[in-house]
Amino acid sequence: MKQLDYYVLDVFANQRYKGNQLSVVYIEEELDLEQYHDISKEFGYSETSFVYYSETENVFKVRSFTPAKFEVAGAGHNLLGAVCLALLKKWDIFKNQHGAPWVKIKDTKIPLKITEENGLPYVGMKQSPASVVGTVPTAIIAEATGLTMPDFELNGWAINIVQTEVAHLMVPVRNVKALKNAISKKALLKHASEQFGFEGCYLFTTNDVADGFLAESRFFNPGIGIDEDPATGTAAGPLAGYLQQLGYINKNQDYQILQGAYVNQPSTIHVKVADDGVWVSGSSVIVMEGELYL
């Protein structure tokens, strides 16, 4: 019987029992695909990350899976939590690297910025520049989220599919009340994502949000088994890039997005649009650790 160390973190948070829960399993070599699926299902969080240091590539490698057997390849809470864990445990994951630190999520190189905030590691992950790759009729999303057509009137912004690493649907809603009233009609959202080629549905508003925040958001992704995610870095990056293209925010300025309030796991996601990409940043705290058995 083989034992593996595991950890549970709250990500995009600086205190326990906030943010987005993530299980991280330390492995010494790649597992069988079925083992990744079984362990992720056992934890039951939106994602489980598996990490190890590759001596041949001189890089810290991460693979992430949902309980629905979907492998996540974007730089979101799955990667942020894994890197924060390594820093909190003082693992030497950047040895033999020269220049700015980086890690790999699946096969993608992700540049990082490492600082410290309130005694915790503060990690920035650089995503690709945002691009609008499609749109979805408002009527379809209104039906799939239980909202009315007027609920999507926000500054004349369209419902667009925006991509950095992952293509998510950016859905502007008129205020926090409409955001709170939204529901996920799973079958309809899943059908829309398959029909139009996006992964998750990121509802957001810039009206009536709490002080200090650029926007408040909610994320539904039933296609990969996520009913509602408390923090979604792979969607916050595209949102920041989209708002910058619309002229609503400036480049090279830090903004905060609030997510997870309606599942009692409020998360703070920092975003900054640069010339060569979008930085998504935050902290994490360890909640528990132990051993699992294969």
Protein backbone atom coordinates (compact mmCIF):
# COMPACT_ATOMS: atom_id res chain seq x y z
CA MET A 1 0.00 0.00 0.00
CA LYS A 2 1.43 3.35 -1.10
CA GLN A 3 1.02 6.53 0.94
CA LEU A 4 0.86 10.07 -0.46
CA ASP A 5 0.93 13.33 1.49
CA TYR A 6 -2.01 15.63 0.93
CA TYR A 7 -2.91 19.17 1.97
CA VAL A 8 -6.07 21.26 1.89
CA LEU A 9 -5.77 25.00 1.37
CA ASP A 10 -8.11 27.96 1.20
CA VAL A 11 -7.06 29.89 -1.89
CA PHE A 12 -7.50 33.57 -2.78
CA ALA A 13 -7.81 34.20 0.94
CA ASN A 14 -5.56 35.20 3.84
CA GLN A 15 -7.53 33.40 6.55
CA ARG A 16 -8.87 29.90 6.97
CA TYR A 17 -12.42 28.95 5.98
CA LYS A 18 -12.62 31.70 3.37
CA GLY A 19 -11.66 31.55 -0.28
CA ASN A 20 -11.75 28.51 -2.54
CA GLN A 21 -10.95 25.09 -1.13
CA LEU A 22 -8.23 23.13 -2.89
CA SER A 23 -6.76 19.72 -2.16
CA VAL A 24 -3.13 19.23 -3.18
CA VAL A 25 -1.45 15.82 -3.36
CA TYR A 26 2.34 15.47 -3.48
CA ILE A 27 3.45 12.71 -5.86
CA GLU A 28 6.94 11.50 -6.79
CA GLU A 29 5.96 10.47 -10.32
CA GLU A 30 2.95 10.61 -12.61
CA LEU A 31 -0.02 8.51 -11.52
CA ASP A 32 -2.35 6.52 -13.72
CA LEU A 33 -5.19 8.60 -15.09
CA GLU A 34 -7.71 6.53 -13.14
CA GLN A 35 -5.85 7.30 -9.91
CA TYR A 36 -6.03 11.03 -10.58
CA HIS A 37 -9.76 10.68 -11.15
CA ASP A 38 -10.39 8.53 -8.07
CA ILE A 39 -8.48 10.81 -5.70
CA SER A 40 -10.13 13.96 -7.06
CA LYS A 41 -13.56 12.38 -6.68
CA GLU A 42 -12.72 11.31 -3.12
CA PHE A 43 -11.83 14.85 -2.06
CA GLY A 44 -14.87 16.27 -3.81
CA TYR A 45 -13.58 19.85 -4.07
CA SER A 46 -14.00 21.70 -7.35
CA GLU A 47 -10.39 20.79 -8.16
CA THR A 48 -7.54 18.67 -6.80
CA SER A 49 -3.96 19.46 -7.81
CA PHE A 50 -1.13 16.92 -8.01
CA VAL A 51 2.39 18.30 -7.70
CA TYR A 52 5.99 17.17 -7.97
CA TYR A 53 9.39 18.56 -8.88
CA SER A 54 10.79 17.29 -12.18
CA GLU A 55 14.56 16.90 -11.94
CA THR A 56 14.81 16.36 -15.70
CA GLU A 57 12.96 19.59 -16.57
CA ASN A 58 14.05 21.57 -13.47
CA VAL A 59 10.51 22.75 -12.86
CA PHE A 60 7.66 22.34 -10.38
CA LYS A 61 4.84 20.59 -12.25
CA VAL A 62 1.12 20.68 -11.50
CA ARG A 63 -1.81 18.71 -12.88
CA SER A 64 -5.37 19.44 -11.74
CA PHE A 65 -8.59 17.46 -12.03
CA THR A 66 -12.24 17.99 -11.14
CA PRO A 67 -14.39 15.24 -9.57
CA ALA A 68 -16.03 14.87 -12.99
CA LYS A 69 -12.75 13.57 -14.53
CA PHE A 70 -11.95 16.86 -16.30
CA GLU A 71 -8.34 18.03 -16.37
CA VAL A 72 -7.96 21.77 -15.76
CA ALA A 73 -5.05 23.41 -17.54
CA GLY A 74 -5.47 27.10 -16.69
CA ALA A 75 -3.68 29.27 -14.13
CA GLY A 76 -6.38 29.63 -11.48
CA HIS A 77 -6.83 28.70 -7.85
CA ASN A 78 -5.61 25.19 -8.69
CA LEU A 79 -2.16 26.55 -9.54
CA LEU A 80 -2.07 29.40 -7.03
CA GLY A 81 -2.79 27.08 -4.11
CA ALA A 82 -0.16 24.58 -5.24
CA VAL A 83 2.55 27.24 -5.49
CA CYS A 84 1.56 28.82 -2.17
CA LEU A 85 1.75 25.39 -0.52
CA ALA A 86 5.29 24.88 -1.82
CA LEU A 87 6.32 28.29 -0.50
CA LEU A 88 4.65 27.76 2.88
CA LYS A 89 6.39 24.37 3.19
CA LYS A 90 9.67 25.91 1.97
CA TRP A 91 10.08 23.41 -0.85
CA ASP A 92 12.92 24.45 -3.16
CA ILE A 93 10.84 24.52 -6.34
CA PHE A 94 12.85 27.17 -8.20
CA LYS A 95 16.29 25.59 -7.91
CA ASN A 96 18.37 25.66 -11.09
CA GLN A 97 16.04 28.28 -12.61
CA HIS A 98 17.53 31.52 -13.87
CA GLY A 99 15.61 34.78 -14.09
CA ALA A 100 11.94 35.11 -13.17
CA PRO A 101 10.39 32.04 -11.51
CA TRP A 102 7.98 29.81 -13.40
CA VAL A 103 6.09 26.54 -13.07
CA LYS A 104 4.21 24.23 -15.40
CA ILE A 105 0.50 23.45 -15.32
CA LYS A 106 0.18 20.30 -17.41
CA ASP A 107 2.40 21.33 -20.37
CA THR A 108 2.03 25.12 -20.16
CA LYS A 109 4.73 27.37 -18.73
CA ILE A 110 3.33 29.94 -16.29
CA PRO A 111 5.56 32.88 -15.24
CA LEU A 112 5.23 33.91 -11.59
CA LYS A 113 5.88 36.88 -9.33
CA ILE A 114 6.55 35.98 -5.69
CA THR A 115 6.23 38.46 -2.84
CA GLU A 116 4.84 38.41 0.68
CA GLU A 117 1.78 40.03 2.22
CA ASN A 118 0.78 39.87 5.89
CA GLY A 119 3.21 37.05 6.50
CA LEU A 120 1.81 34.90 3.68
CA PRO A 121 3.20 34.21 0.21
CA TYR A 122 1.58 36.45 -2.39
CA VAL A 123 1.78 34.86 -5.81
CA GLY A 124 1.10 36.41 -9.19
CA MET A 125 0.46 34.17 -12.21
CA LYS A 126 0.75 35.60 -15.72
CA GLN A 127 -1.93 34.56 -18.18
CA SER A 128 -1.87 35.27 -21.90
CA PRO A 129 -3.38 38.53 -23.20
CA ALA A 130 -7.18 38.40 -23.29
CA SER A 131 -8.95 37.98 -26.61
CA VAL A 132 -12.64 38.00 -27.48
CA VAL A 133 -13.35 34.80 -29.38
CA GLY A 134 -17.13 34.77 -29.68
CA THR A 135 -20.50 35.78 -28.31
CA VAL A 136 -23.72 34.14 -27.10
CA PRO A 137 -27.26 35.53 -27.54
CA THR A 138 -28.55 37.17 -24.36
CA ALA A 139 -31.83 35.25 -24.50
CA ILE A 140 -30.01 31.93 -24.16
CA ILE A 141 -28.10 33.04 -21.06
CA ALA A 142 -31.20 34.66 -19.57
CA GLU A 143 -33.02 31.33 -19.75
CA ALA A 144 -30.02 29.40 -18.41
CA THR A 145 -29.54 31.71 -15.40
CA GLY A 146 -33.16 32.50 -14.50
CA LEU A 147 -32.75 36.23 -15.18
CA THR A 148 -34.68 38.63 -17.41
CA MET A 149 -33.36 40.47 -20.45
CA PRO A 150 -33.12 43.84 -18.61
CA ASP A 151 -30.90 42.17 -15.98
CA PHE A 152 -28.07 42.13 -18.52
CA GLU A 153 -28.03 45.88 -19.16
CA LEU A 154 -24.67 47.10 -17.87
CA ASN A 155 -22.95 49.98 -19.66
CA GLY A 156 -23.97 48.54 -23.04
CA TRP A 157 -21.47 45.69 -22.66
CA ALA A 158 -22.05 42.52 -24.64
CA ILE A 159 -22.02 38.92 -23.43
CA ASN A 160 -18.75 37.70 -24.93
CA ILE A 161 -16.51 34.66 -24.78
CA VAL A 162 -13.08 35.85 -23.64
CA GLN A 163 -9.93 33.76 -23.46
CA THR A 164 -6.52 33.96 -21.83
CA GLU A 165 -5.62 30.29 -21.25
CA VAL A 166 -9.25 29.17 -20.97
CA ALA A 167 -12.28 30.51 -22.86
CA HIS A 168 -14.99 31.60 -20.41
CA LEU A 169 -18.24 33.50 -21.00
CA MET A 170 -18.22 37.03 -19.55
CA VAL A 171 -21.80 37.92 -18.55
CA PRO A 172 -22.40 41.50 -17.37
CA VAL A 173 -25.45 42.00 -15.12
CA ARG A 174 -26.91 45.32 -14.05
CA ASN A 175 -26.34 45.20 -10.27
CA VAL A 176 -25.64 43.06 -7.21
CA LYS A 177 -29.32 42.25 -6.78
CA ALA A 178 -29.49 40.67 -10.24
CA LEU A 179 -26.22 38.84 -9.56
CA LYS A 180 -27.64 37.39 -6.35
CA ASN A 181 -30.84 36.28 -8.10
CA ALA A 182 -29.02 34.28 -10.76
CA ILE A 183 -29.31 30.50 -10.67
CA SER A 184 -27.54 27.79 -12.58
CA LYS A 185 -29.80 25.72 -14.80
CA LYS A 186 -27.18 23.07 -15.34
CA ALA A 187 -28.50 21.35 -18.43
CA LEU A 188 -29.07 24.63 -20.28
CA LEU A 189 -25.68 26.09 -19.33
CA LYS A 190 -23.90 22.89 -20.29
CA HIS A 191 -25.69 22.82 -23.65
CA ALA A 192 -24.79 26.48 -24.31
CA SER A 193 -21.13 25.89 -23.45
CA GLU A 194 -20.96 22.96 -25.86
CA GLN A 195 -22.82 24.83 -28.60
CA PHE A 196 -20.80 28.05 -28.45
CA GLY A 197 -17.41 26.75 -27.30
CA PHE A 198 -16.85 28.21 -23.85
CA GLU A 199 -16.08 26.50 -20.56
CA GLY A 200 -17.64 28.40 -17.63
CA CYS A 201 -20.16 31.21 -17.17
CA TYR A 202 -18.75 34.23 -15.28
CA LEU A 203 -21.50 36.61 -14.21
CA PHE A 204 -20.26 39.96 -12.94
CA THR A 205 -21.36 43.46 -12.09
CA THR A 206 -19.56 46.72 -11.42
CA ASN A 207 -22.61 48.41 -9.86
CA ASP A 208 -23.30 48.48 -6.09
CA VAL A 209 -20.18 46.43 -5.29
CA ALA A 210 -18.38 46.61 -1.94
CA ASP A 211 -15.81 49.36 -1.43
CA GLY A 212 -12.41 48.57 -2.83
CA PHE A 213 -13.60 46.07 -5.41
CA LEU A 214 -13.68 46.51 -9.17
CA ALA A 215 -16.44 43.93 -9.58
CA GLU A 216 -18.41 41.21 -7.86
CA SER A 217 -18.80 37.90 -9.64
CA ARG A 218 -20.22 34.38 -9.67
CA PHE A 219 -19.02 31.38 -11.68
CA PHE A 220 -21.06 28.42 -12.92
CA ASN A 221 -19.44 25.54 -14.80
CA PRO A 222 -21.68 22.46 -14.77
CA GLY A 223 -19.91 21.03 -17.81
CA ILE A 224 -16.92 20.03 -15.65
CA GLY A 225 -18.88 19.35 -12.47
CA ILE A 226 -18.66 22.76 -10.77
CA ASP A 227 -22.03 24.03 -9.55
CA GLU A 228 -20.64 27.33 -8.25
CA ASP A 229 -16.96 28.13 -7.72
CA PRO A 230 -15.91 30.47 -4.87
CA ALA A 231 -12.90 31.79 -6.81
CA THR A 232 -11.96 31.36 -10.46
CA GLY A 233 -8.62 32.81 -11.50
CA THR A 234 -9.00 31.49 -15.05
CA ALA A 235 -12.13 33.65 -15.41
CA ALA A 236 -10.95 36.70 -13.46
CA GLY A 237 -8.04 37.15 -15.86
CA PRO A 238 -10.25 37.25 -18.96
CA LEU A 239 -12.63 39.64 -17.17
CA ALA A 240 -9.82 42.07 -16.39
CA GLY A 241 -8.58 41.92 -19.97
CA TYR A 242 -12.10 42.42 -21.30
CA LEU A 243 -12.77 45.45 -19.07
CA GLN A 244 -9.44 46.98 -20.10
CA GLN A 245 -10.31 46.55 -23.77
CA LEU A 246 -13.65 48.24 -23.09
CA GLY A 247 -11.77 51.20 -21.60
CA TYR A 248 -13.22 50.64 -18.12
CA ILE A 249 -9.91 49.94 -16.34
CA ASN A 250 -6.29 50.93 -16.93
CA LYS A 251 -3.24 48.85 -17.68
CA ASN A 252 -0.62 48.27 -14.98
CA GLN A 253 -3.04 49.00 -12.13
CA ASP A 254 -4.08 46.52 -9.44
CA TYR A 255 -7.79 45.76 -9.06
CA GLN A 256 -9.72 43.38 -6.81
CA ILE A 257 -12.63 41.10 -7.73
CA LEU A 258 -14.95 39.69 -5.08
CA GLN A 259 -16.27 36.17 -5.69
CA GLY A 260 -17.84 33.44 -3.56
CA ALA A 261 -20.06 35.61 -1.37
CA TYR A 262 -23.18 33.56 -2.18
CA VAL A 263 -21.59 30.25 -1.20
CA ASN A 264 -20.24 31.72 2.07
CA GLN A 265 -16.64 31.51 0.88
CA PRO A 266 -15.76 35.11 -0.05
CA SER A 267 -12.59 35.30 -2.12
CA THR A 268 -10.43 38.24 -3.17
CA ILE A 269 -8.80 37.92 -6.59
CA HIS A 270 -6.24 40.54 -7.60
CA VAL A 271 -5.90 41.31 -11.31
CA LYS A 272 -3.62 43.55 -13.33
CA VAL A 273 -3.51 43.95 -17.11
CA ALA A 274 -0.03 44.35 -18.61
CA ASP A 275 1.12 44.80 -22.20
CA ASP A 276 2.09 41.14 -22.49
CA GLY A 277 -0.62 39.44 -20.46
CA VAL A 278 -2.87 39.52 -17.41
CA TRP A 279 -1.59 38.97 -13.87
CA VAL A 280 -3.87 37.12 -11.46
CA SER A 281 -2.66 37.14 -7.87
CA GLY A 282 -3.54 36.15 -4.32
CA SER A 283 -2.59 34.30 -1.16
CA SER A 284 -3.48 30.93 0.38
CA VAL A 285 -3.52 29.31 3.81
CA ILE A 286 -3.17 25.65 4.79
CA VAL A 287 -6.22 24.25 6.58
CA MET A 288 -5.30 20.58 6.98
CA GLU A 289 -2.82 17.92 5.92
CA GLY A 290 -2.49 14.16 6.13
CA GLU A 291 -1.89 10.95 4.19
CA LEU A 292 -3.93 9.10 1.62
CA TYR A 293 -3.52 5.52 0.49
CA LEU A 294 -3.38 4.09 -3.01
